[in-house]
Amino acid sequence: MQDVFVAVLPRLDSISGGVGGLRTFVFSVAHARMVDDHRRQSRTPLRQSFEPELDPRESGSAESDALSRVSPGEVLQLLNVLGEDQKEVLTLRIIADLTVDQVAKIMGKSAGAVKQLQRRALDQLREHSAVKEYVAQ
């Protein structure tokens, strides 16, 4: 209705035929807007909200894949390779799911220091895993 009045208002001075002419003009504009809306709706795909419980597809998350591959005992052994600060950073960042700023505040370090500790800890774990796999071969 708003679009109809916005279209009619600037043309009020040019409408002839009195009240009947105005009524005819308003209804013709309203009809055109309604037709436009129906056309737009027919071209627009129907939107449906995603309901995960109704989705028959299954794909595991990275977290569930990692948890199925590594036992808690193996995680503790891997963490023992790291220094105390590195263990604390990884525990707070990954297990507690805290942001870098939150971890920095807890540990009394800068955000840059926390990022550096996390990067070094992950690098050290990668190296340790690579060496362990090489020795196993």
N, C-alpha and C. Protein backbone atom coordinates (compact mmCIF):
# COMPACT_ATOMS: atom_id res chain seq x y z
N MET A 1 0.83 -1.18 0.00
CA MET A 1 0.00 0.00 0.00
C MET A 1 0.89 1.25 0.00
N GLN A 2 1.98 1.17 0.71
CA GLN A 2 2.89 2.30 0.76
C GLN A 2 3.43 2.63 -0.64
N ASP A 3 3.79 1.61 -1.41
CA ASP A 3 4.29 1.83 -2.76
C ASP A 3 3.23 2.49 -3.64
N VAL A 4 1.99 2.12 -3.44
CA VAL A 4 0.90 2.71 -4.23
C VAL A 4 0.80 4.20 -3.94
N PHE A 5 0.77 4.57 -2.69
CA PHE A 5 0.64 5.99 -2.34
C PHE A 5 1.87 6.79 -2.73
N VAL A 6 3.05 6.17 -2.66
CA VAL A 6 4.26 6.86 -3.09
C VAL A 6 4.21 7.12 -4.59
N ALA A 7 3.62 6.18 -5.35
CA ALA A 7 3.50 6.37 -6.80
C ALA A 7 2.40 7.37 -7.16
N VAL A 8 1.35 7.42 -6.37
CA VAL A 8 0.20 8.30 -6.68
C VAL A 8 0.47 9.74 -6.27
N LEU A 9 1.09 9.94 -5.15
CA LEU A 9 1.27 11.29 -4.58
C LEU A 9 1.88 12.29 -5.55
N PRO A 10 2.98 12.01 -6.24
CA PRO A 10 3.55 13.03 -7.14
C PRO A 10 2.66 13.34 -8.35
N ARG A 11 1.68 12.48 -8.66
CA ARG A 11 0.83 12.69 -9.84
C ARG A 11 -0.55 13.25 -9.50
N LEU A 12 -0.76 13.60 -8.27
CA LEU A 12 -2.08 14.10 -7.86
C LEU A 12 -2.53 15.31 -8.69
N ASP A 13 -1.62 16.20 -9.02
CA ASP A 13 -1.98 17.41 -9.76
C ASP A 13 -2.42 17.09 -11.19
N SER A 14 -1.93 15.99 -11.75
CA SER A 14 -2.22 15.69 -13.15
C SER A 14 -3.43 14.78 -13.33
N ILE A 15 -4.07 14.35 -12.25
CA ILE A 15 -5.21 13.44 -12.35
C ILE A 15 -6.46 14.26 -12.67
N SER A 16 -7.20 13.78 -13.68
CA SER A 16 -8.46 14.46 -14.03
C SER A 16 -9.61 13.50 -13.78
N GLY A 17 -10.79 14.01 -13.73
CA GLY A 17 -11.97 13.17 -13.53
C GLY A 17 -12.48 13.18 -12.11
N GLY A 18 -11.94 14.02 -11.26
CA GLY A 18 -12.43 14.15 -9.90
C GLY A 18 -12.15 12.91 -9.06
N VAL A 19 -13.09 12.63 -8.16
CA VAL A 19 -12.93 11.52 -7.23
C VAL A 19 -12.92 10.19 -7.99
N GLY A 20 -13.77 10.07 -9.00
CA GLY A 20 -13.82 8.83 -9.79
C GLY A 20 -12.51 8.59 -10.52
N GLY A 21 -11.93 9.66 -11.08
CA GLY A 21 -10.66 9.53 -11.78
C GLY A 21 -9.53 9.14 -10.82
N LEU A 22 -9.54 9.74 -9.63
CA LEU A 22 -8.53 9.41 -8.63
C LEU A 22 -8.65 7.94 -8.21
N ARG A 23 -9.90 7.52 -7.97
CA ARG A 23 -10.15 6.14 -7.56
C ARG A 23 -9.65 5.18 -8.64
N THR A 24 -9.96 5.46 -9.89
CA THR A 24 -9.52 4.60 -11.00
C THR A 24 -8.00 4.55 -11.07
N PHE A 25 -7.35 5.71 -10.93
CA PHE A 25 -5.90 5.77 -11.00
C PHE A 25 -5.26 4.99 -9.85
N VAL A 26 -5.77 5.17 -8.63
CA VAL A 26 -5.22 4.48 -7.46
C VAL A 26 -5.36 2.97 -7.62
N PHE A 27 -6.54 2.51 -8.06
CA PHE A 27 -6.73 1.07 -8.23
C PHE A 27 -5.87 0.50 -9.36
N SER A 28 -5.66 1.27 -10.42
CA SER A 28 -4.80 0.76 -11.50
C SER A 28 -3.35 0.66 -11.04
N VAL A 29 -2.88 1.62 -10.25
CA VAL A 29 -1.52 1.54 -9.71
C VAL A 29 -1.42 0.37 -8.73
N ALA A 30 -2.43 0.19 -7.89
CA ALA A 30 -2.42 -0.91 -6.92
C ALA A 30 -2.42 -2.25 -7.64
N HIS A 31 -3.21 -2.37 -8.70
CA HIS A 31 -3.25 -3.60 -9.47
C HIS A 31 -1.88 -3.89 -10.09
N ALA A 32 -1.25 -2.88 -10.65
CA ALA A 32 0.08 -3.06 -11.26
C ALA A 32 1.10 -3.49 -10.21
N ARG A 33 1.05 -2.90 -9.03
CA ARG A 33 1.97 -3.29 -7.96
C ARG A 33 1.72 -4.73 -7.51
N MET A 34 0.46 -5.13 -7.46
CA MET A 34 0.12 -6.49 -7.06
C MET A 34 0.63 -7.50 -8.10
N VAL A 35 0.44 -7.20 -9.37
CA VAL A 35 0.93 -8.07 -10.43
C VAL A 35 2.45 -8.18 -10.37
N ASP A 36 3.12 -7.05 -10.17
CA ASP A 36 4.58 -7.06 -10.04
C ASP A 36 5.03 -7.94 -8.87
N ASP A 37 4.32 -7.85 -7.75
CA ASP A 37 4.67 -8.63 -6.58
C ASP A 37 4.48 -10.13 -6.83
N HIS A 38 3.38 -10.50 -7.49
CA HIS A 38 3.14 -11.91 -7.80
C HIS A 38 4.21 -12.44 -8.75
N ARG A 39 4.60 -11.66 -9.73
CA ARG A 39 5.66 -12.08 -10.65
C ARG A 39 6.98 -12.26 -9.92
N ARG A 40 7.30 -11.32 -9.03
CA ARG A 40 8.55 -11.40 -8.27
C ARG A 40 8.55 -12.64 -7.38
N GLN A 41 7.42 -12.92 -6.74
CA GLN A 41 7.34 -14.10 -5.87
C GLN A 41 7.45 -15.39 -6.66
N SER A 42 6.90 -15.42 -7.87
CA SER A 42 6.98 -16.65 -8.66
C SER A 42 8.40 -16.92 -9.15
N ARG A 43 9.21 -15.86 -9.29
CA ARG A 43 10.60 -16.02 -9.72
C ARG A 43 11.55 -16.29 -8.57
N THR A 44 11.13 -15.96 -7.37
CA THR A 44 11.97 -16.13 -6.19
C THR A 44 11.79 -17.54 -5.64
N PRO A 45 12.88 -18.29 -5.46
CA PRO A 45 12.73 -19.64 -4.92
C PRO A 45 12.21 -19.61 -3.49
N LEU A 46 11.49 -20.64 -3.15
CA LEU A 46 10.94 -20.76 -1.81
C LEU A 46 12.06 -20.97 -0.81
N ARG A 47 12.08 -20.18 0.25
CA ARG A 47 13.12 -20.31 1.27
C ARG A 47 12.59 -21.15 2.42
N GLN A 48 13.40 -22.10 2.79
CA GLN A 48 13.04 -22.94 3.93
C GLN A 48 14.20 -22.92 4.91
N SER A 49 13.85 -22.92 6.16
CA SER A 49 14.91 -22.92 7.17
C SER A 49 15.50 -24.32 7.27
N PHE A 50 16.78 -24.37 7.60
CA PHE A 50 17.48 -25.65 7.71
C PHE A 50 17.18 -26.27 9.06
N GLU A 51 16.74 -27.51 9.03
CA GLU A 51 16.47 -28.24 10.26
C GLU A 51 17.38 -29.47 10.30
N PRO A 52 18.46 -29.41 11.07
CA PRO A 52 19.46 -30.49 11.05
C PRO A 52 18.89 -31.86 11.39
N GLU A 53 17.89 -31.90 12.26
CA GLU A 53 17.36 -33.22 12.65
C GLU A 53 16.60 -33.89 11.50
N LEU A 54 16.17 -33.12 10.49
CA LEU A 54 15.47 -33.70 9.35
C LEU A 54 16.40 -33.99 8.17
N ASP A 55 17.65 -33.62 8.29
CA ASP A 55 18.61 -33.82 7.20
C ASP A 55 19.15 -35.26 7.26
N PRO A 56 18.88 -36.06 6.22
CA PRO A 56 19.31 -37.46 6.27
C PRO A 56 20.82 -37.64 6.03
N ARG A 57 21.47 -36.63 5.49
CA ARG A 57 22.90 -36.77 5.22
C ARG A 57 23.68 -36.72 6.53
N GLU A 58 24.77 -37.42 6.54
CA GLU A 58 25.62 -37.39 7.73
C GLU A 58 27.05 -37.13 7.32
N SER A 59 27.65 -36.20 7.99
CA SER A 59 29.08 -35.98 7.81
C SER A 59 29.62 -35.57 9.16
N GLY A 60 30.69 -36.21 9.53
CA GLY A 60 31.27 -35.93 10.83
C GLY A 60 32.00 -34.60 10.84
N SER A 61 32.04 -33.99 11.97
CA SER A 61 32.77 -32.74 12.11
C SER A 61 34.25 -33.07 12.29
N ALA A 62 35.08 -32.08 12.10
CA ALA A 62 36.51 -32.27 12.31
C ALA A 62 36.78 -32.67 13.75
N GLU A 63 36.00 -32.11 14.65
CA GLU A 63 36.19 -32.42 16.07
C GLU A 63 35.89 -33.89 16.35
N SER A 64 34.76 -34.39 15.82
CA SER A 64 34.42 -35.80 16.08
C SER A 64 35.40 -36.74 15.40
N ASP A 65 35.89 -36.37 14.20
CA ASP A 65 36.91 -37.18 13.53
C ASP A 65 38.18 -37.25 14.36
N ALA A 66 38.61 -36.10 14.87
CA ALA A 66 39.84 -36.07 15.67
C ALA A 66 39.66 -36.86 16.96
N LEU A 67 38.52 -36.73 17.60
CA LEU A 67 38.29 -37.46 18.85
C LEU A 67 38.22 -38.96 18.63
N SER A 68 37.71 -39.37 17.46
CA SER A 68 37.65 -40.82 17.20
C SER A 68 39.03 -41.39 16.89
N ARG A 69 39.94 -40.56 16.42
CA ARG A 69 41.28 -41.03 16.06
C ARG A 69 42.26 -41.01 17.23
N VAL A 70 42.04 -40.12 18.18
CA VAL A 70 43.00 -39.94 19.26
C VAL A 70 42.32 -40.19 20.60
N SER A 71 42.91 -41.04 21.39
CA SER A 71 42.34 -41.33 22.71
C SER A 71 42.79 -40.25 23.69
N PRO A 72 42.06 -40.09 24.79
CA PRO A 72 42.47 -39.09 25.79
C PRO A 72 43.88 -39.33 26.32
N GLY A 73 44.27 -40.60 26.45
CA GLY A 73 45.62 -40.91 26.92
C GLY A 73 46.68 -40.41 25.96
N GLU A 74 46.41 -40.54 24.65
CA GLU A 74 47.35 -40.05 23.64
C GLU A 74 47.45 -38.52 23.69
N VAL A 75 46.32 -37.89 23.93
CA VAL A 75 46.33 -36.42 24.03
C VAL A 75 47.20 -35.99 25.20
N LEU A 76 47.05 -36.67 26.34
CA LEU A 76 47.86 -36.31 27.51
C LEU A 76 49.35 -36.56 27.24
N GLN A 77 49.67 -37.65 26.52
CA GLN A 77 51.07 -37.91 26.18
C GLN A 77 51.61 -36.80 25.27
N LEU A 78 50.80 -36.39 24.31
CA LEU A 78 51.24 -35.31 23.42
C LEU A 78 51.46 -34.02 24.20
N LEU A 79 50.55 -33.73 25.12
CA LEU A 79 50.69 -32.49 25.90
C LEU A 79 51.93 -32.51 26.79
N ASN A 80 52.35 -33.69 27.21
CA ASN A 80 53.54 -33.79 28.06
C ASN A 80 54.82 -33.40 27.31
N VAL A 81 54.76 -33.37 25.99
CA VAL A 81 55.91 -32.96 25.18
C VAL A 81 56.11 -31.45 25.30
N LEU A 82 55.06 -30.73 25.62
CA LEU A 82 55.08 -29.25 25.62
C LEU A 82 55.50 -28.68 26.97
N GLY A 83 55.93 -27.43 26.93
CA GLY A 83 56.20 -26.69 28.16
C GLY A 83 54.90 -26.29 28.83
N GLU A 84 54.98 -25.85 30.06
CA GLU A 84 53.78 -25.51 30.84
C GLU A 84 52.96 -24.40 30.19
N ASP A 85 53.62 -23.32 29.73
CA ASP A 85 52.88 -22.22 29.09
C ASP A 85 52.20 -22.69 27.82
N GLN A 86 52.88 -23.51 27.05
CA GLN A 86 52.29 -24.02 25.80
C GLN A 86 51.09 -24.92 26.10
N LYS A 87 51.22 -25.78 27.10
CA LYS A 87 50.09 -26.63 27.51
C LYS A 87 48.89 -25.79 27.91
N GLU A 88 49.18 -24.76 28.72
CA GLU A 88 48.09 -23.92 29.21
C GLU A 88 47.40 -23.19 28.07
N VAL A 89 48.20 -22.67 27.13
CA VAL A 89 47.60 -21.95 25.99
C VAL A 89 46.72 -22.89 25.17
N LEU A 90 47.23 -24.07 24.83
CA LEU A 90 46.44 -25.00 24.02
C LEU A 90 45.19 -25.46 24.77
N THR A 91 45.33 -25.71 26.05
CA THR A 91 44.17 -26.13 26.83
C THR A 91 43.10 -25.04 26.85
N LEU A 92 43.50 -23.81 27.09
CA LEU A 92 42.53 -22.71 27.14
C LEU A 92 41.96 -22.40 25.76
N ARG A 93 42.78 -22.44 24.73
CA ARG A 93 42.31 -22.09 23.38
C ARG A 93 41.45 -23.20 22.77
N ILE A 94 41.90 -24.45 22.88
CA ILE A 94 41.22 -25.53 22.18
C ILE A 94 40.15 -26.20 23.04
N ILE A 95 40.52 -26.58 24.23
CA ILE A 95 39.57 -27.30 25.07
C ILE A 95 38.53 -26.36 25.68
N ALA A 96 38.99 -25.23 26.24
CA ALA A 96 38.05 -24.29 26.84
C ALA A 96 37.41 -23.37 25.80
N ASP A 97 37.93 -23.37 24.57
CA ASP A 97 37.38 -22.58 23.46
C ASP A 97 37.33 -21.08 23.78
N LEU A 98 38.43 -20.57 24.35
CA LEU A 98 38.51 -19.16 24.68
C LEU A 98 39.21 -18.40 23.54
N THR A 99 38.96 -17.11 23.46
CA THR A 99 39.62 -16.29 22.45
C THR A 99 41.05 -15.98 22.89
N VAL A 100 41.83 -15.47 21.95
CA VAL A 100 43.21 -15.11 22.25
C VAL A 100 43.23 -14.05 23.35
N ASP A 101 42.37 -13.06 23.26
CA ASP A 101 42.33 -11.99 24.26
C ASP A 101 41.97 -12.53 25.65
N GLN A 102 41.03 -13.46 25.70
CA GLN A 102 40.66 -14.04 27.00
C GLN A 102 41.82 -14.82 27.61
N VAL A 103 42.51 -15.60 26.77
CA VAL A 103 43.65 -16.38 27.26
C VAL A 103 44.76 -15.44 27.72
N ALA A 104 44.99 -14.38 26.96
CA ALA A 104 46.03 -13.41 27.33
C ALA A 104 45.73 -12.80 28.70
N LYS A 105 44.48 -12.47 28.92
CA LYS A 105 44.08 -11.87 30.20
C LYS A 105 44.28 -12.87 31.36
N ILE A 106 43.89 -14.12 31.12
CA ILE A 106 44.04 -15.16 32.15
C ILE A 106 45.50 -15.41 32.49
N MET A 107 46.34 -15.47 31.45
CA MET A 107 47.75 -15.80 31.65
C MET A 107 48.61 -14.58 31.98
N GLY A 108 48.04 -13.39 31.86
CA GLY A 108 48.80 -12.18 32.13
C GLY A 108 49.85 -11.90 31.07
N LYS A 109 49.54 -12.25 29.82
CA LYS A 109 50.46 -12.05 28.70
C LYS A 109 49.76 -11.22 27.64
N SER A 110 50.53 -10.77 26.68
CA SER A 110 49.93 -10.03 25.57
C SER A 110 49.30 -11.02 24.59
N ALA A 111 48.38 -10.51 23.74
CA ALA A 111 47.73 -11.36 22.74
C ALA A 111 48.78 -11.92 21.77
N GLY A 112 49.77 -11.13 21.42
CA GLY A 112 50.83 -11.59 20.53
C GLY A 112 51.62 -12.73 21.14
N ALA A 113 51.90 -12.66 22.44
CA ALA A 113 52.63 -13.72 23.12
C ALA A 113 51.82 -15.02 23.14
N VAL A 114 50.51 -14.89 23.33
CA VAL A 114 49.65 -16.07 23.34
C VAL A 114 49.63 -16.72 21.95
N LYS A 115 49.51 -15.90 20.91
CA LYS A 115 49.52 -16.42 19.54
C LYS A 115 50.84 -17.15 19.25
N GLN A 116 51.93 -16.54 19.70
CA GLN A 116 53.25 -17.14 19.47
C GLN A 116 53.38 -18.46 20.22
N LEU A 117 52.94 -18.50 21.46
CA LEU A 117 52.99 -19.75 22.24
C LEU A 117 52.15 -20.83 21.57
N GLN A 118 50.98 -20.46 21.09
CA GLN A 118 50.10 -21.43 20.43
C GLN A 118 50.75 -21.96 19.15
N ARG A 119 51.30 -21.07 18.36
CA ARG A 119 51.94 -21.48 17.11
C ARG A 119 53.11 -22.42 17.38
N ARG A 120 53.94 -22.05 18.34
CA ARG A 120 55.10 -22.89 18.66
C ARG A 120 54.68 -24.25 19.22
N ALA A 121 53.63 -24.26 20.03
CA ALA A 121 53.14 -25.52 20.59
C ALA A 121 52.63 -26.43 19.49
N LEU A 122 51.86 -25.89 18.57
CA LEU A 122 51.33 -26.70 17.46
C LEU A 122 52.46 -27.20 16.56
N ASP A 123 53.44 -26.33 16.31
CA ASP A 123 54.60 -26.75 15.51
C ASP A 123 55.34 -27.89 16.20
N GLN A 124 55.52 -27.77 17.50
CA GLN A 124 56.23 -28.80 18.26
C GLN A 124 55.44 -30.12 18.23
N LEU A 125 54.13 -30.06 18.33
CA LEU A 125 53.31 -31.27 18.27
C LEU A 125 53.40 -31.92 16.88
N ARG A 126 53.40 -31.08 15.83
CA ARG A 126 53.54 -31.62 14.47
C ARG A 126 54.88 -32.34 14.30
N GLU A 127 55.94 -31.69 14.77
CA GLU A 127 57.27 -32.29 14.67
C GLU A 127 57.34 -33.60 15.44
N HIS A 128 56.79 -33.60 16.64
CA HIS A 128 56.80 -34.79 17.48
C HIS A 128 56.03 -35.93 16.79
N SER A 129 54.88 -35.62 16.21
CA SER A 129 54.07 -36.64 15.51
C SER A 129 54.80 -37.15 14.28
N ALA A 130 55.46 -36.25 13.55
CA ALA A 130 56.20 -36.67 12.35
C ALA A 130 57.35 -37.59 12.72
N VAL A 131 58.08 -37.26 13.78
CA VAL A 131 59.19 -38.10 14.24
C VAL A 131 58.67 -39.46 14.70
N LYS A 132 57.56 -39.45 15.42
CA LYS A 132 56.98 -40.69 15.94
C LYS A 132 56.55 -41.60 14.78
N GLU A 133 55.95 -41.02 13.74
CA GLU A 133 55.55 -41.81 12.56
C GLU A 133 56.76 -42.34 11.82
N TYR A 134 57.82 -41.53 11.73
CA TYR A 134 59.03 -41.95 11.01
C TYR A 134 59.69 -43.12 11.73
N VAL A 135 59.74 -43.04 13.07
CA VAL A 135 60.35 -44.11 13.86
C VAL A 135 59.53 -45.39 13.75
N ALA A 136 58.21 -45.25 13.67
CA ALA A 136 57.33 -46.42 13.58
C ALA A 136 57.50 -47.15 12.25
N GLN A 137 57.93 -46.46 11.22
CA GLN A 137 58.11 -47.09 9.91
C GLN A 137 59.37 -47.87 9.94
